[in-house]
Every structure is written in structure tokens, then in C-alpha cells.
Amino acid sequence: MTFLLLIILIALLGVVVVQDFKSRAISWFLIPLLFVGFIGQALLKMQWTELLTYFGINLLLVVTNLLVVTLVISIKEKKLTNILTDYLGLGDVLFFLVLTVVFSPFNFIAFYLGSILITAIFYGGLMLFSRQRKMLIPLAGAMSLMLIISILIEQLVPSIQFYQDFILN
């Protein structure tokens, strides 16, 4: 069951990658499928109370991050700005919600910041060498690709577990 669920999750993440890189959008139904799938995977590894705690902490981190980004951009533009109109897609934000049930809080922070940093460096380099000044970044797709890689690493390296903080172990 665990292996089959893992294959399904990787396939769904692969669809996110292809859709987001191709059209800069993802199908809405992928989000609940991934969310429920990762909850199922988590419940095979831990108690629901622990998952609920991790979810709450990670959700608080995402909301705080989005509020800070909104505040910074609003100050920069000197008006209250909705970051979902020009800076992030709704699919990206909903994908962040999926990620809240995939990791322990420390691992979530490491993955979230690491994947955003890697994506920013890659697309910053692309923008530097292209003539486009404004580029739509497939953030959910890029993060999905990095999550697929992370899942494969977790399967190959027994000491790495998404729900056990690798920083503290």
C-alpha cells in the first residue's frame, strides 16, 4: 500500500510539473488529491495528533510568510497589494498548503526555503541572460520537481525521513 501510494503521489507531482512548466497553471483537482494522498502517507508513519500539530505549525509558517511578503510588496508599491494578482498564482499558494502535511516543521522550513531559493536562482539566471524583464515562474511545478527528488532521496537514504527533523537527528 505504501509503495503504491508513493507511486501515485509521484505521478500526481509529475503532472503538476508538466502542467505548470507548460502552461504556468495547474488543474485544481490535483491539490485535493495531493493533500489527501500526503495525509494518508503521513498517517502510515505517525499518529494523527502529531500530523495535526505539524500541519498547524507549517500552516502558520506559510500564512506568516505570505503576510510578510504582502506587507513588503505593499510597502514597496506604496499601496495595499494583493500578491495573488501579480506575484504568485493561486496554484502556488494551494501547493504550499499541500506541503504543510508533507514535512515536520524543521524539514518544512528547509524544503520551503531551499526550493524557493533554488527556483529564484535558476530563474534569476534565466532572466539575466534573456531579454525578458518579467517572467512567469512555475513555482508549484519547480517545487513539485524538487519534492519528487526529495521523495526519491528519502526512499534511498534510510536516515532521511520527512517527519523526523534531519537537523536535530
C-alpha atoms as a PDB file:
ATOM      1  CA  MET A   1       0.000   0.000   0.000  1.00  0.00           C
ATOM      2  CA  THR A   2       2.752   2.463   0.947  1.00  0.00           C
ATOM      3  CA  PHE A   3       4.691   1.832  -2.284  1.00  0.00           C
ATOM      4  CA  LEU A   4       1.554   2.209  -4.427  1.00  0.00           C
ATOM      5  CA  LEU A   5       0.621   5.445  -2.656  1.00  0.00           C
ATOM      6  CA  LEU A   6       4.140   6.744  -3.209  1.00  0.00           C
ATOM      7  CA  ILE A   7       3.950   5.949  -6.936  1.00  0.00           C
ATOM      8  CA  ILE A   8       0.571   7.718  -7.186  1.00  0.00           C
ATOM      9  CA  LEU A   9       1.900  10.784  -5.361  1.00  0.00           C
ATOM     10  CA  ILE A  10       4.989  10.948  -7.586  1.00  0.00           C
ATOM     11  CA  ALA A  11       2.774  10.617 -10.689  1.00  0.00           C
ATOM     12  CA  LEU A  12       0.487  13.430  -9.468  1.00  0.00           C
ATOM     13  CA  LEU A  13       3.514  15.613  -8.714  1.00  0.00           C
ATOM     14  CA  GLY A  14       4.796  14.818 -12.207  1.00  0.00           C
ATOM     15  CA  VAL A  15       1.513  16.080 -13.664  1.00  0.00           C
ATOM     16  CA  VAL A  16       1.937  19.317 -11.657  1.00  0.00           C
ATOM     17  CA  VAL A  17       5.460  19.700 -13.059  1.00  0.00           C
ATOM     18  CA  VAL A  18       4.367  19.183 -16.671  1.00  0.00           C
ATOM     19  CA  GLN A  19       1.266  21.390 -16.420  1.00  0.00           C
ATOM     20  CA  ASP A  20       2.991  24.247 -14.605  1.00  0.00           C
ATOM     21  CA  PHE A  21       6.054  24.307 -16.846  1.00  0.00           C
ATOM     22  CA  LYS A  22       3.900  24.036 -19.975  1.00  0.00           C
ATOM     23  CA  SER A  23       1.035  26.423 -19.216  1.00  0.00           C
ATOM     24  CA  ARG A  24       2.031  28.158 -15.950  1.00  0.00           C
ATOM     25  CA  ALA A  25      -1.122  26.754 -14.352  1.00  0.00           C
ATOM     26  CA  ILE A  26      -2.179  23.515 -12.691  1.00  0.00           C
ATOM     27  CA  SER A  27      -5.513  21.722 -12.612  1.00  0.00           C
ATOM     28  CA  TRP A  28      -7.429  22.457  -9.429  1.00  0.00           C
ATOM     29  CA  PHE A  29      -8.248  18.805  -8.699  1.00  0.00           C
ATOM     30  CA  LEU A  30      -4.557  17.942  -8.234  1.00  0.00           C
ATOM     31  CA  ILE A  31      -4.401  19.940  -4.993  1.00  0.00           C
ATOM     32  CA  PRO A  32      -7.018  17.932  -3.012  1.00  0.00           C
ATOM     33  CA  LEU A  33      -5.676  14.651  -4.446  1.00  0.00           C
ATOM     34  CA  LEU A  34      -2.143  15.509  -3.324  1.00  0.00           C
ATOM     35  CA  PHE A  35      -3.340  16.827   0.043  1.00  0.00           C
ATOM     36  CA  VAL A  36      -5.345  13.690   0.835  1.00  0.00           C
ATOM     37  CA  GLY A  37      -2.592  11.425  -0.538  1.00  0.00           C
ATOM     38  CA  PHE A  38       0.093  13.027   1.613  1.00  0.00           C
ATOM     39  CA  ILE A  39      -2.176  12.914   4.665  1.00  0.00           C
ATOM     40  CA  GLY A  40      -2.617   9.188   4.013  1.00  0.00           C
ATOM     41  CA  GLN A  41       1.133   8.729   3.679  1.00  0.00           C
ATOM     42  CA  ALA A  42       1.729  10.688   6.890  1.00  0.00           C
ATOM     43  CA  LEU A  43      -0.827   8.641   8.845  1.00  0.00           C
ATOM     44  CA  LEU A  44       1.047   5.487   7.865  1.00  0.00           C
ATOM     45  CA  LYS A  45       4.078   6.914   9.670  1.00  0.00           C
ATOM     46  CA  MET A  46       2.666   8.814  12.663  1.00  0.00           C
ATOM     47  CA  GLN A  47      -0.340   9.478  14.865  1.00  0.00           C
ATOM     48  CA  TRP A  48      -2.995  11.901  13.637  1.00  0.00           C
ATOM     49  CA  THR A  49      -2.376  14.231  16.614  1.00  0.00           C
ATOM     50  CA  GLU A  50       1.264  14.626  15.600  1.00  0.00           C
ATOM     51  CA  LEU A  51       0.240  15.246  11.984  1.00  0.00           C
ATOM     52  CA  LEU A  52      -2.294  17.839  13.111  1.00  0.00           C
ATOM     53  CA  THR A  53       0.385  19.585  15.169  1.00  0.00           C
ATOM     54  CA  TYR A  54       2.820  19.608  12.243  1.00  0.00           C
ATOM     55  CA  PHE A  55       0.082  20.835   9.904  1.00  0.00           C
ATOM     56  CA  GLY A  56      -0.834  23.678  12.272  1.00  0.00           C
ATOM     57  CA  ILE A  57       2.749  24.845  12.724  1.00  0.00           C
ATOM     58  CA  ASN A  58       3.525  24.606   8.998  1.00  0.00           C
ATOM     59  CA  LEU A  59       0.290  26.385   8.056  1.00  0.00           C
ATOM     60  CA  LEU A  60       1.153  29.186  10.488  1.00  0.00           C
ATOM     61  CA  LEU A  61       4.571  29.473   8.814  1.00  0.00           C
ATOM     62  CA  VAL A  62       3.017  29.702   5.326  1.00  0.00           C
ATOM     63  CA  VAL A  63       0.419  32.281   6.386  1.00  0.00           C
ATOM     64  CA  THR A  64       3.095  34.350   8.156  1.00  0.00           C
ATOM     65  CA  ASN A  65       5.336  34.182   5.083  1.00  0.00           C
ATOM     66  CA  LEU A  66       2.524  35.253   2.767  1.00  0.00           C
ATOM     67  CA  LEU A  67       1.566  38.125   5.076  1.00  0.00           C
ATOM     68  CA  VAL A  68       5.175  39.341   5.293  1.00  0.00           C
ATOM     69  CA  VAL A  69       5.581  39.130   1.510  1.00  0.00           C
ATOM     70  CA  THR A  70       2.302  41.048   1.084  1.00  0.00           C
ATOM     71  CA  LEU A  71       3.500  43.685   3.566  1.00  0.00           C
ATOM     72  CA  VAL A  72       6.908  44.080   1.904  1.00  0.00           C
ATOM     73  CA  ILE A  73       5.439  44.361  -1.591  1.00  0.00           C
ATOM     74  CA  SER A  74       2.721  46.745  -0.368  1.00  0.00           C
ATOM     75  CA  ILE A  75       5.350  48.999   1.221  1.00  0.00           C
ATOM     76  CA  LYS A  76       7.450  48.842  -1.959  1.00  0.00           C
ATOM     77  CA  GLU A  77       4.449  49.765  -4.136  1.00  0.00           C
ATOM     78  CA  LYS A  78       3.108  52.271  -1.565  1.00  0.00           C
ATOM     79  CA  LYS A  79      -0.365  50.693  -1.649  1.00  0.00           C
ATOM     80  CA  LEU A  80      -2.019  47.552  -0.317  1.00  0.00           C
ATOM     81  CA  THR A  81      -1.207  44.865  -2.870  1.00  0.00           C
ATOM     82  CA  ASN A  82      -2.827  41.505  -3.459  1.00  0.00           C
ATOM     83  CA  ILE A  83       0.161  39.256  -4.201  1.00  0.00           C
ATOM     84  CA  LEU A  84      -2.104  36.720  -5.919  1.00  0.00           C
ATOM     85  CA  THR A  85      -2.763  39.079  -8.818  1.00  0.00           C
ATOM     86  CA  ASP A  86       0.798  39.827  -9.937  1.00  0.00           C
ATOM     87  CA  TYR A  87       3.313  37.875  -7.868  1.00  0.00           C
ATOM     88  CA  LEU A  88       2.013  34.403  -7.004  1.00  0.00           C
ATOM     89  CA  GLY A  89      -0.538  32.151  -8.591  1.00  0.00           C
ATOM     90  CA  LEU A  90      -3.350  30.630  -6.581  1.00  0.00           C
ATOM     91  CA  GLY A  91      -1.994  27.197  -7.547  1.00  0.00           C
ATOM     92  CA  ASP A  92       1.342  28.097  -5.934  1.00  0.00           C
ATOM     93  CA  VAL A  93      -0.322  29.091  -2.666  1.00  0.00           C
ATOM     94  CA  LEU A  94      -2.517  25.984  -2.669  1.00  0.00           C
ATOM     95  CA  PHE A  95       0.567  23.875  -3.319  1.00  0.00           C
ATOM     96  CA  PHE A  96       2.130  25.444  -0.204  1.00  0.00           C
ATOM     97  CA  LEU A  97      -0.932  24.099   1.635  1.00  0.00           C
ATOM     98  CA  VAL A  98      -0.159  20.595   0.347  1.00  0.00           C
ATOM     99  CA  LEU A  99       3.413  20.916   1.607  1.00  0.00           C
ATOM    100  CA  THR A 100       2.171  21.595   5.154  1.00  0.00           C
ATOM    101  CA  VAL A 101       1.299  17.898   5.563  1.00  0.00           C
ATOM    102  CA  VAL A 102       4.453  16.514   3.929  1.00  0.00           C
ATOM    103  CA  PHE A 103       7.127  17.521   6.453  1.00  0.00           C
ATOM    104  CA  SER A 104       7.891  18.103  10.101  1.00  0.00           C
ATOM    105  CA  PRO A 105       8.239  21.843  10.834  1.00  0.00           C
ATOM    106  CA  PHE A 106      12.057  21.974  10.611  1.00  0.00           C
ATOM    107  CA  ASN A 107      12.100  19.889   7.439  1.00  0.00           C
ATOM    108  CA  PHE A 108       9.261  22.023   6.057  1.00  0.00           C
ATOM    109  CA  ILE A 109      11.275  25.202   6.583  1.00  0.00           C
ATOM    110  CA  ALA A 110      14.345  23.624   4.974  1.00  0.00           C
ATOM    111  CA  PHE A 111      12.380  22.384   1.954  1.00  0.00           C
ATOM    112  CA  TYR A 112      10.271  25.533   1.563  1.00  0.00           C
ATOM    113  CA  LEU A 113      13.194  27.950   1.740  1.00  0.00           C
ATOM    114  CA  GLY A 114      15.557  25.689  -0.196  1.00  0.00           C
ATOM    115  CA  SER A 115      13.163  25.095  -3.071  1.00  0.00           C
ATOM    116  CA  ILE A 116      12.200  28.771  -3.338  1.00  0.00           C
ATOM    117  CA  LEU A 117      15.890  29.764  -3.239  1.00  0.00           C
ATOM    118  CA  ILE A 118      16.892  27.228  -5.910  1.00  0.00           C
ATOM    119  CA  THR A 119      13.973  28.318  -8.113  1.00  0.00           C
ATOM    120  CA  ALA A 120      14.817  32.006  -7.637  1.00  0.00           C
ATOM    121  CA  ILE A 121      18.484  31.427  -8.503  1.00  0.00           C
ATOM    122  CA  PHE A 122      17.610  29.381 -11.595  1.00  0.00           C
ATOM    123  CA  TYR A 123      15.007  31.816 -12.935  1.00  0.00           C
ATOM    124  CA  GLY A 124      17.086  34.828 -11.890  1.00  0.00           C
ATOM    125  CA  GLY A 125      19.874  33.431 -14.044  1.00  0.00           C
ATOM    126  CA  LEU A 126      17.455  32.858 -16.917  1.00  0.00           C
ATOM    127  CA  MET A 127      16.207  36.437 -16.664  1.00  0.00           C
ATOM    128  CA  LEU A 128      19.771  37.708 -16.588  1.00  0.00           C
ATOM    129  CA  PHE A 129      20.596  36.014 -19.884  1.00  0.00           C
ATOM    130  CA  SER A 130      17.258  36.568 -21.629  1.00  0.00           C
ATOM    131  CA  ARG A 131      15.754  39.772 -22.886  1.00  0.00           C
ATOM    132  CA  GLN A 132      12.586  39.315 -20.844  1.00  0.00           C
ATOM    133  CA  ARG A 133      12.366  41.572 -17.825  1.00  0.00           C
ATOM    134  CA  LYS A 134       9.274  39.928 -16.401  1.00  0.00           C
ATOM    135  CA  MET A 135       8.937  36.152 -16.399  1.00  0.00           C
ATOM    136  CA  LEU A 136       6.225  33.907 -15.006  1.00  0.00           C
ATOM    137  CA  ILE A 137       7.878  31.355 -12.755  1.00  0.00           C
ATOM    138  CA  PRO A 138       6.283  27.891 -12.450  1.00  0.00           C
ATOM    139  CA  LEU A 139       6.823  27.785  -8.688  1.00  0.00           C
ATOM    140  CA  ALA A 140       4.444  24.900  -7.920  1.00  0.00           C
ATOM    141  CA  GLY A 141       5.987  22.910 -10.773  1.00  0.00           C
ATOM    142  CA  ALA A 142       9.545  23.620  -9.642  1.00  0.00           C
ATOM    143  CA  MET A 143       8.695  22.752  -6.039  1.00  0.00           C
ATOM    144  CA  SER A 144       6.947  19.571  -7.223  1.00  0.00           C
ATOM    145  CA  LEU A 145      10.066  18.551  -9.121  1.00  0.00           C
ATOM    146  CA  MET A 146      12.185  19.139  -6.021  1.00  0.00           C
ATOM    147  CA  LEU A 147       9.651  17.211  -3.926  1.00  0.00           C
ATOM    148  CA  ILE A 148       9.884  14.245  -6.309  1.00  0.00           C
ATOM    149  CA  ILE A 149      13.674  14.336  -5.938  1.00  0.00           C
ATOM    150  CA  SER A 150      13.313  14.608  -2.151  1.00  0.00           C
ATOM    151  CA  ILE A 151      10.915  11.648  -2.045  1.00  0.00           C
ATOM    152  CA  LEU A 152      13.384   9.545  -4.036  1.00  0.00           C
ATOM    153  CA  ILE A 153      16.212  10.567  -1.697  1.00  0.00           C
ATOM    154  CA  GLU A 154      14.051   9.692   1.323  1.00  0.00           C
ATOM    155  CA  GLN A 155      13.475   6.231  -0.160  1.00  0.00           C
ATOM    156  CA  LEU A 156      17.178   5.663  -0.898  1.00  0.00           C
ATOM    157  CA  VAL A 157      18.675   7.105   2.307  1.00  0.00           C
ATOM    158  CA  PRO A 158      17.081   5.481   5.392  1.00  0.00           C
ATOM    159  CA  SER A 159      18.376   8.167   7.774  1.00  0.00           C
ATOM    160  CA  ILE A 160      16.345  10.859   5.983  1.00  0.00           C
ATOM    161  CA  GLN A 161      12.691  10.923   6.996  1.00  0.00           C
ATOM    162  CA  PHE A 162      10.287  13.780   6.200  1.00  0.00           C
ATOM    163  CA  TYR A 163       8.610  13.615   9.611  1.00  0.00           C
ATOM    164  CA  GLN A 164      11.804  13.390  11.666  1.00  0.00           C
ATOM    165  CA  ASP A 165      13.824  16.578  11.769  1.00  0.00           C
ATOM    166  CA  PHE A 166      17.083  15.798  10.000  1.00  0.00           C
ATOM    167  CA  ILE A 167      18.614  18.922  11.545  1.00  0.00           C
ATOM    168  CA  LEU A 168      18.064  17.621  15.060  1.00  0.00           C
ATOM    169  CA  ASN A 169      18.942  13.959  14.366  1.00  0.00           C
END
